[in-house]
Amino acid sequence: MSAATKLLDRLSAVRQTGPGRWLARCPAHEDKRPSLSIRETSDGKVLVHDFGGCEVGDVLDSVGLQLGDLFDRPLEHCSPPSRSRIPAADILEVLGFEVSVASIIAHDILESRDIGDLGWRRLAHACGRINAARTYCGG
C-alpha cells in the first residue's frame, strides 16, 4: 500500500484532480467543501496542504497517522551531520544578519539607488560570509 493510499483511505469526499493529485474534506476541522490537497510526487513522497489552515500534524492526528507514514521509505540525508564547534544558533544569527544586509543592498539596487564602492564591498562580504557558513555546515 502506498503512502498516499494510507492517507486517502482515511479521508472523505476524496476526488482525484489529476495524476497523483486529490482533494478531500479535511478531517481536522468541519469542512463543508474539500479543502485538503494531497499530492504524491514521482519519488513517492506525499505532500499535504489544507487551504482551511490546518497544520499537517493536526490532519494526520485526526486520522491516526504520523508524518513518517507519508513516506514509503526513510528519507535519505544529503549531507552528514555537522561536526561544527560553533552553535547552530550563532551560525543562524550571523546568516540572518548577512541576509538582511544583502536584502537591503539588493533593494537599493532595484530602486536604482547608487550604493557606491562601499556598498558593493559590503554586499560581497555578506555573500562571502553566507557561503562560508553554508560550506562550514557541510552544505
N, C-alpha and C. Protein backbone atom coordinates (compact mmCIF):
# COMPACT_ATOMS: atom_id res chain seq x y z
N MET A 1 0.84 -1.18 0.00
CA MET A 1 0.00 0.00 0.00
C MET A 1 0.89 1.24 0.00
N SER A 2 0.64 2.16 -0.92
CA SER A 2 1.45 3.37 -1.00
C SER A 2 1.13 4.31 0.16
N ALA A 3 2.04 5.22 0.42
CA ALA A 3 1.85 6.20 1.49
C ALA A 3 0.61 7.05 1.22
N ALA A 4 0.38 7.41 -0.05
CA ALA A 4 -0.79 8.21 -0.38
C ALA A 4 -2.07 7.43 -0.11
N THR A 5 -2.07 6.16 -0.44
CA THR A 5 -3.26 5.33 -0.22
C THR A 5 -3.58 5.22 1.26
N LYS A 6 -2.54 5.11 2.11
CA LYS A 6 -2.75 5.06 3.56
C LYS A 6 -3.57 6.26 4.03
N LEU A 7 -3.25 7.43 3.50
CA LEU A 7 -3.96 8.65 3.88
C LEU A 7 -5.32 8.73 3.21
N LEU A 8 -5.36 8.53 1.91
CA LEU A 8 -6.61 8.68 1.15
C LEU A 8 -7.71 7.75 1.66
N ASP A 9 -7.34 6.54 2.08
CA ASP A 9 -8.32 5.59 2.58
C ASP A 9 -9.01 6.07 3.86
N ARG A 10 -8.43 7.04 4.54
CA ARG A 10 -8.97 7.52 5.81
C ARG A 10 -9.71 8.85 5.67
N LEU A 11 -9.81 9.35 4.45
CA LEU A 11 -10.44 10.65 4.21
C LEU A 11 -11.81 10.48 3.57
N SER A 12 -12.61 11.54 3.63
CA SER A 12 -13.93 11.50 2.99
C SER A 12 -13.99 12.51 1.85
N ALA A 13 -14.93 12.27 0.96
CA ALA A 13 -15.16 13.13 -0.21
C ALA A 13 -13.88 13.30 -1.04
N VAL A 14 -13.15 12.21 -1.21
CA VAL A 14 -11.91 12.24 -1.99
C VAL A 14 -12.24 12.31 -3.47
N ARG A 15 -11.57 13.24 -4.15
CA ARG A 15 -11.76 13.41 -5.59
C ARG A 15 -10.40 13.59 -6.24
N GLN A 16 -10.09 12.75 -7.22
CA GLN A 16 -8.83 12.89 -7.93
C GLN A 16 -8.93 14.06 -8.88
N THR A 17 -7.93 14.96 -8.83
CA THR A 17 -7.95 16.15 -9.68
C THR A 17 -6.92 16.08 -10.79
N GLY A 18 -6.12 15.02 -10.78
CA GLY A 18 -5.09 14.83 -11.79
C GLY A 18 -4.22 13.66 -11.38
N PRO A 19 -3.24 13.31 -12.20
CA PRO A 19 -2.35 12.20 -11.84
C PRO A 19 -1.61 12.51 -10.54
N GLY A 20 -1.81 11.67 -9.54
CA GLY A 20 -1.14 11.85 -8.26
C GLY A 20 -1.63 13.03 -7.45
N ARG A 21 -2.83 13.54 -7.74
CA ARG A 21 -3.37 14.71 -7.04
C ARG A 21 -4.82 14.47 -6.65
N TRP A 22 -5.15 14.86 -5.38
CA TRP A 22 -6.51 14.68 -4.89
C TRP A 22 -6.92 15.87 -4.04
N LEU A 23 -8.21 16.03 -3.90
CA LEU A 23 -8.82 16.95 -2.93
C LEU A 23 -9.73 16.12 -2.05
N ALA A 24 -9.82 16.49 -0.77
CA ALA A 24 -10.69 15.77 0.16
C ALA A 24 -11.12 16.74 1.26
N ARG A 25 -12.12 16.32 2.03
CA ARG A 25 -12.51 17.10 3.20
C ARG A 25 -11.43 16.95 4.26
N CYS A 26 -11.09 18.04 4.90
CA CYS A 26 -10.09 18.00 5.96
C CYS A 26 -10.73 17.41 7.21
N PRO A 27 -10.14 16.35 7.76
CA PRO A 27 -10.71 15.73 8.96
C PRO A 27 -10.40 16.49 10.25
N ALA A 28 -9.53 17.51 10.17
CA ALA A 28 -9.13 18.25 11.37
C ALA A 28 -10.06 19.42 11.68
N HIS A 29 -10.96 19.74 10.76
CA HIS A 29 -11.94 20.79 11.03
C HIS A 29 -13.24 20.47 10.29
N GLU A 30 -14.29 21.14 10.65
CA GLU A 30 -15.57 20.89 9.99
C GLU A 30 -15.50 21.49 8.59
N ASP A 31 -15.30 20.63 7.64
CA ASP A 31 -15.04 21.03 6.26
C ASP A 31 -16.26 20.76 5.40
N LYS A 32 -16.95 21.81 4.98
CA LYS A 32 -18.14 21.64 4.14
C LYS A 32 -17.76 21.37 2.69
N ARG A 33 -16.66 21.98 2.25
CA ARG A 33 -16.15 21.78 0.89
C ARG A 33 -14.72 21.27 1.02
N PRO A 34 -14.33 20.35 0.18
CA PRO A 34 -12.96 19.82 0.26
C PRO A 34 -11.91 20.92 0.21
N SER A 35 -11.09 20.98 1.24
CA SER A 35 -10.03 21.98 1.30
C SER A 35 -8.65 21.35 1.46
N LEU A 36 -8.62 20.03 1.57
CA LEU A 36 -7.36 19.33 1.79
C LEU A 36 -6.80 18.85 0.45
N SER A 37 -5.60 19.33 0.14
CA SER A 37 -4.92 18.94 -1.10
C SER A 37 -3.88 17.89 -0.77
N ILE A 38 -3.89 16.81 -1.54
CA ILE A 38 -2.92 15.73 -1.37
C ILE A 38 -2.24 15.51 -2.71
N ARG A 39 -0.91 15.40 -2.67
CA ARG A 39 -0.17 15.17 -3.91
C ARG A 39 0.90 14.13 -3.64
N GLU A 40 0.98 13.15 -4.53
CA GLU A 40 2.04 12.14 -4.44
C GLU A 40 3.06 12.46 -5.53
N THR A 41 4.31 12.68 -5.12
CA THR A 41 5.36 13.02 -6.07
C THR A 41 5.88 11.75 -6.76
N SER A 42 6.64 11.94 -7.81
CA SER A 42 7.15 10.80 -8.59
C SER A 42 8.08 9.91 -7.77
N ASP A 43 8.68 10.46 -6.70
CA ASP A 43 9.56 9.63 -5.87
C ASP A 43 8.85 9.08 -4.64
N GLY A 44 7.50 9.16 -4.61
CA GLY A 44 6.72 8.51 -3.56
C GLY A 44 6.42 9.36 -2.34
N LYS A 45 6.91 10.59 -2.27
CA LYS A 45 6.60 11.46 -1.14
C LYS A 45 5.15 11.94 -1.27
N VAL A 46 4.51 12.17 -0.14
CA VAL A 46 3.14 12.66 -0.13
C VAL A 46 3.14 14.06 0.47
N LEU A 47 2.64 15.02 -0.28
CA LEU A 47 2.54 16.40 0.17
C LEU A 47 1.10 16.69 0.55
N VAL A 48 0.90 17.33 1.69
CA VAL A 48 -0.43 17.61 2.20
C VAL A 48 -0.53 19.08 2.54
N HIS A 49 -1.60 19.74 2.06
CA HIS A 49 -1.83 21.15 2.38
C HIS A 49 -3.33 21.36 2.56
N ASP A 50 -3.70 21.97 3.70
CA ASP A 50 -5.10 22.31 3.93
C ASP A 50 -5.30 23.79 3.69
N PHE A 51 -6.11 24.12 2.70
CA PHE A 51 -6.40 25.51 2.39
C PHE A 51 -7.27 26.15 3.46
N GLY A 52 -7.80 25.34 4.37
CA GLY A 52 -8.56 25.85 5.51
C GLY A 52 -7.66 26.29 6.66
N GLY A 53 -6.37 25.98 6.57
CA GLY A 53 -5.41 26.45 7.55
C GLY A 53 -4.93 25.44 8.57
N CYS A 54 -5.41 24.21 8.52
CA CYS A 54 -4.97 23.20 9.48
C CYS A 54 -3.53 22.79 9.21
N GLU A 55 -2.79 22.53 10.28
CA GLU A 55 -1.41 22.05 10.17
C GLU A 55 -1.42 20.57 9.76
N VAL A 56 -0.39 20.14 9.07
CA VAL A 56 -0.30 18.75 8.62
C VAL A 56 -0.38 17.80 9.81
N GLY A 57 0.28 18.12 10.90
CA GLY A 57 0.25 17.27 12.09
C GLY A 57 -1.16 17.08 12.62
N ASP A 58 -1.97 18.14 12.60
CA ASP A 58 -3.36 18.04 13.07
C ASP A 58 -4.18 17.16 12.14
N VAL A 59 -3.96 17.30 10.83
CA VAL A 59 -4.68 16.48 9.85
C VAL A 59 -4.35 15.01 10.08
N LEU A 60 -3.05 14.71 10.21
CA LEU A 60 -2.63 13.32 10.39
C LEU A 60 -3.11 12.75 11.72
N ASP A 61 -3.02 13.55 12.79
CA ASP A 61 -3.51 13.09 14.10
C ASP A 61 -4.98 12.70 14.03
N SER A 62 -5.77 13.46 13.30
CA SER A 62 -7.21 13.23 13.26
C SER A 62 -7.58 11.93 12.52
N VAL A 63 -6.63 11.38 11.73
CA VAL A 63 -6.91 10.11 11.05
C VAL A 63 -6.00 8.98 11.56
N GLY A 64 -5.27 9.26 12.65
CA GLY A 64 -4.45 8.22 13.26
C GLY A 64 -3.15 7.91 12.54
N LEU A 65 -2.60 8.89 11.84
CA LEU A 65 -1.32 8.69 11.15
C LEU A 65 -0.26 9.62 11.73
N GLN A 66 0.99 9.33 11.41
CA GLN A 66 2.11 10.19 11.79
C GLN A 66 2.82 10.63 10.53
N LEU A 67 3.65 11.66 10.65
CA LEU A 67 4.36 12.21 9.49
C LEU A 67 5.15 11.14 8.75
N GLY A 68 5.78 10.22 9.46
CA GLY A 68 6.55 9.15 8.83
C GLY A 68 5.72 8.25 7.95
N ASP A 69 4.40 8.21 8.19
CA ASP A 69 3.51 7.39 7.37
C ASP A 69 3.36 7.93 5.95
N LEU A 70 3.79 9.18 5.72
CA LEU A 70 3.68 9.78 4.38
C LEU A 70 4.84 9.41 3.47
N PHE A 71 5.76 8.61 3.97
CA PHE A 71 6.93 8.23 3.19
C PHE A 71 7.00 6.70 3.11
N ASP A 72 7.20 6.18 1.90
CA ASP A 72 7.32 4.74 1.71
C ASP A 72 8.61 4.19 2.31
N ARG A 73 9.63 5.04 2.35
CA ARG A 73 10.92 4.62 2.92
C ARG A 73 11.51 5.81 3.65
N PRO A 74 12.45 5.58 4.56
CA PRO A 74 13.05 6.70 5.31
C PRO A 74 13.73 7.68 4.35
N LEU A 75 13.69 8.95 4.72
CA LEU A 75 14.37 9.97 3.92
C LEU A 75 15.87 9.79 4.00
N GLU A 76 16.54 9.98 2.89
CA GLU A 76 17.98 9.90 2.86
C GLU A 76 18.52 11.31 3.03
N HIS A 77 19.51 11.44 3.90
CA HIS A 77 20.09 12.76 4.15
C HIS A 77 21.13 13.08 3.08
N CYS A 78 21.16 14.33 2.69
CA CYS A 78 22.07 14.76 1.64
C CYS A 78 23.49 14.93 2.15
N SER A 79 23.64 15.28 3.42
CA SER A 79 24.97 15.50 3.94
C SER A 79 25.05 14.94 5.36
N PRO A 80 26.26 14.60 5.80
CA PRO A 80 26.41 14.07 7.15
C PRO A 80 26.13 15.17 8.17
N PRO A 81 25.80 14.80 9.40
CA PRO A 81 25.58 15.80 10.44
C PRO A 81 26.81 16.67 10.62
N SER A 82 26.60 17.94 10.95
CA SER A 82 27.69 18.87 11.15
C SER A 82 28.47 18.53 12.41
N ARG A 83 29.78 18.67 12.32
CA ARG A 83 30.63 18.50 13.49
C ARG A 83 31.17 19.86 13.94
N SER A 84 30.41 20.88 13.65
CA SER A 84 30.79 22.25 13.95
C SER A 84 30.90 22.47 15.45
N ARG A 85 31.90 23.25 15.84
CA ARG A 85 32.02 23.63 17.24
C ARG A 85 31.27 24.92 17.51
N ILE A 86 30.80 25.57 16.46
CA ILE A 86 30.03 26.79 16.62
C ILE A 86 28.57 26.40 16.76
N PRO A 87 27.90 26.87 17.81
CA PRO A 87 26.49 26.52 17.99
C PRO A 87 25.65 26.95 16.79
N ALA A 88 24.70 26.11 16.42
CA ALA A 88 23.84 26.39 15.27
C ALA A 88 23.13 27.73 15.42
N ALA A 89 22.73 28.07 16.64
CA ALA A 89 22.03 29.34 16.87
C ALA A 89 22.91 30.52 16.48
N ASP A 90 24.22 30.43 16.76
CA ASP A 90 25.14 31.51 16.40
C ASP A 90 25.29 31.62 14.88
N ILE A 91 25.40 30.48 14.23
CA ILE A 91 25.51 30.48 12.76
C ILE A 91 24.26 31.07 12.14
N LEU A 92 23.09 30.67 12.66
CA LEU A 92 21.84 31.20 12.13
C LEU A 92 21.71 32.70 12.36
N GLU A 93 22.20 33.19 13.51
CA GLU A 93 22.15 34.63 13.78
C GLU A 93 22.99 35.40 12.78
N VAL A 94 24.20 34.91 12.51
CA VAL A 94 25.08 35.57 11.53
C VAL A 94 24.45 35.51 10.14
N LEU A 95 23.93 34.34 9.77
CA LEU A 95 23.29 34.21 8.46
C LEU A 95 22.12 35.18 8.32
N GLY A 96 21.30 35.26 9.37
CA GLY A 96 20.15 36.18 9.34
C GLY A 96 20.59 37.61 9.13
N PHE A 97 21.64 38.02 9.83
CA PHE A 97 22.14 39.39 9.70
C PHE A 97 22.67 39.64 8.29
N GLU A 98 23.48 38.70 7.78
CA GLU A 98 24.07 38.90 6.45
C GLU A 98 23.01 38.87 5.35
N VAL A 99 21.99 38.04 5.51
CA VAL A 99 20.89 38.02 4.54
C VAL A 99 20.15 39.36 4.58
N SER A 100 19.98 39.93 5.77
CA SER A 100 19.33 41.24 5.88
C SER A 100 20.16 42.31 5.18
N VAL A 101 21.47 42.29 5.39
CA VAL A 101 22.35 43.25 4.73
C VAL A 101 22.24 43.11 3.22
N ALA A 102 22.33 41.88 2.72
CA ALA A 102 22.25 41.65 1.28
C ALA A 102 20.89 42.08 0.73
N SER A 103 19.82 41.85 1.49
CA SER A 103 18.48 42.23 1.04
C SER A 103 18.34 43.74 0.93
N ILE A 104 18.86 44.46 1.92
CA ILE A 104 18.78 45.93 1.90
C ILE A 104 19.55 46.48 0.71
N ILE A 105 20.74 45.96 0.48
CA ILE A 105 21.55 46.45 -0.64
C ILE A 105 20.88 46.08 -1.96
N ALA A 106 20.35 44.85 -2.07
CA ALA A 106 19.64 44.45 -3.29
C ALA A 106 18.44 45.35 -3.55
N HIS A 107 17.71 45.70 -2.49
CA HIS A 107 16.56 46.61 -2.64
C HIS A 107 17.02 47.96 -3.17
N ASP A 108 18.11 48.47 -2.61
CA ASP A 108 18.64 49.75 -3.10
C ASP A 108 19.03 49.66 -4.57
N ILE A 109 19.62 48.55 -4.97
CA ILE A 109 19.99 48.37 -6.38
C ILE A 109 18.73 48.36 -7.25
N LEU A 110 17.71 47.63 -6.81
CA LEU A 110 16.45 47.57 -7.58
C LEU A 110 15.76 48.92 -7.68
N GLU A 111 15.95 49.75 -6.67
CA GLU A 111 15.36 51.09 -6.67
C GLU A 111 16.26 52.10 -7.40
N SER A 112 17.30 51.60 -8.07
CA SER A 112 18.25 52.40 -8.84
C SER A 112 19.01 53.41 -7.98
N ARG A 113 19.20 53.07 -6.72
CA ARG A 113 19.99 53.93 -5.84
C ARG A 113 21.47 53.57 -6.01
N ASP A 114 22.32 54.58 -5.92
CA ASP A 114 23.77 54.36 -6.03
C ASP A 114 24.27 53.84 -4.69
N ILE A 115 24.79 52.62 -4.69
CA ILE A 115 25.28 52.06 -3.43
C ILE A 115 26.78 52.30 -3.25
N GLY A 116 27.43 52.76 -4.30
CA GLY A 116 28.84 53.10 -4.21
C GLY A 116 29.73 51.89 -4.01
N ASP A 117 31.01 52.17 -3.96
CA ASP A 117 32.01 51.11 -3.82
C ASP A 117 31.88 50.41 -2.46
N LEU A 118 31.59 51.16 -1.40
CA LEU A 118 31.45 50.58 -0.08
C LEU A 118 30.28 49.60 -0.03
N GLY A 119 29.17 49.94 -0.68
CA GLY A 119 28.01 49.06 -0.73
C GLY A 119 28.31 47.77 -1.47
N TRP A 120 29.04 47.89 -2.59
CA TRP A 120 29.40 46.68 -3.35
C TRP A 120 30.34 45.78 -2.54
N ARG A 121 31.29 46.41 -1.82
CA ARG A 121 32.20 45.62 -1.00
C ARG A 121 31.46 44.95 0.16
N ARG A 122 30.49 45.66 0.76
CA ARG A 122 29.73 45.08 1.86
C ARG A 122 28.85 43.93 1.36
N LEU A 123 28.28 44.07 0.15
CA LEU A 123 27.48 43.00 -0.43
C LEU A 123 28.36 41.77 -0.70
N ALA A 124 29.54 41.98 -1.23
CA ALA A 124 30.46 40.87 -1.47
C ALA A 124 30.85 40.20 -0.16
N HIS A 125 31.06 40.99 0.89
CA HIS A 125 31.40 40.45 2.20
C HIS A 125 30.25 39.60 2.75
N ALA A 126 29.03 40.11 2.62
CA ALA A 126 27.85 39.36 3.09
C ALA A 126 27.72 38.04 2.34
N CYS A 127 27.87 38.09 1.02
CA CYS A 127 27.78 36.87 0.22
C CYS A 127 28.87 35.88 0.61
N GLY A 128 30.06 36.37 0.87
CA GLY A 128 31.17 35.51 1.29
C GLY A 128 30.89 34.84 2.63
N ARG A 129 30.33 35.60 3.58
CA ARG A 129 30.02 35.02 4.89
C ARG A 129 28.88 34.00 4.79
N ILE A 130 27.90 34.28 3.96
CA ILE A 130 26.80 33.33 3.77
C ILE A 130 27.34 32.04 3.17
N ASN A 131 28.19 32.16 2.15
CA ASN A 131 28.77 30.98 1.52
C ASN A 131 29.68 30.22 2.49
N ALA A 132 30.45 30.95 3.29
CA ALA A 132 31.34 30.30 4.26
C ALA A 132 30.54 29.52 5.29
N ALA A 133 29.42 30.08 5.74
CA ALA A 133 28.58 29.39 6.72
C ALA A 133 27.98 28.13 6.10
N ARG A 134 27.56 28.25 4.85
CA ARG A 134 26.99 27.09 4.14
C ARG A 134 28.05 26.00 4.01
N THR A 135 29.25 26.36 3.63
CA THR A 135 30.34 25.40 3.48
C THR A 135 30.74 24.82 4.83
N TYR A 136 30.80 25.66 5.84
CA TYR A 136 31.19 25.22 7.19
C TYR A 136 30.22 24.20 7.76
N CYS A 137 28.94 24.36 7.39
CA CYS A 137 27.90 23.45 7.90
C CYS A 137 27.75 22.21 7.02
N GLY A 138 28.59 22.06 6.02
CA GLY A 138 28.55 20.85 5.20
C GLY A 138 27.63 20.95 4.01
N GLY A 139 27.20 22.17 3.63
CA GLY A 139 26.25 22.32 2.53
C GLY A 139 26.86 22.46 1.19
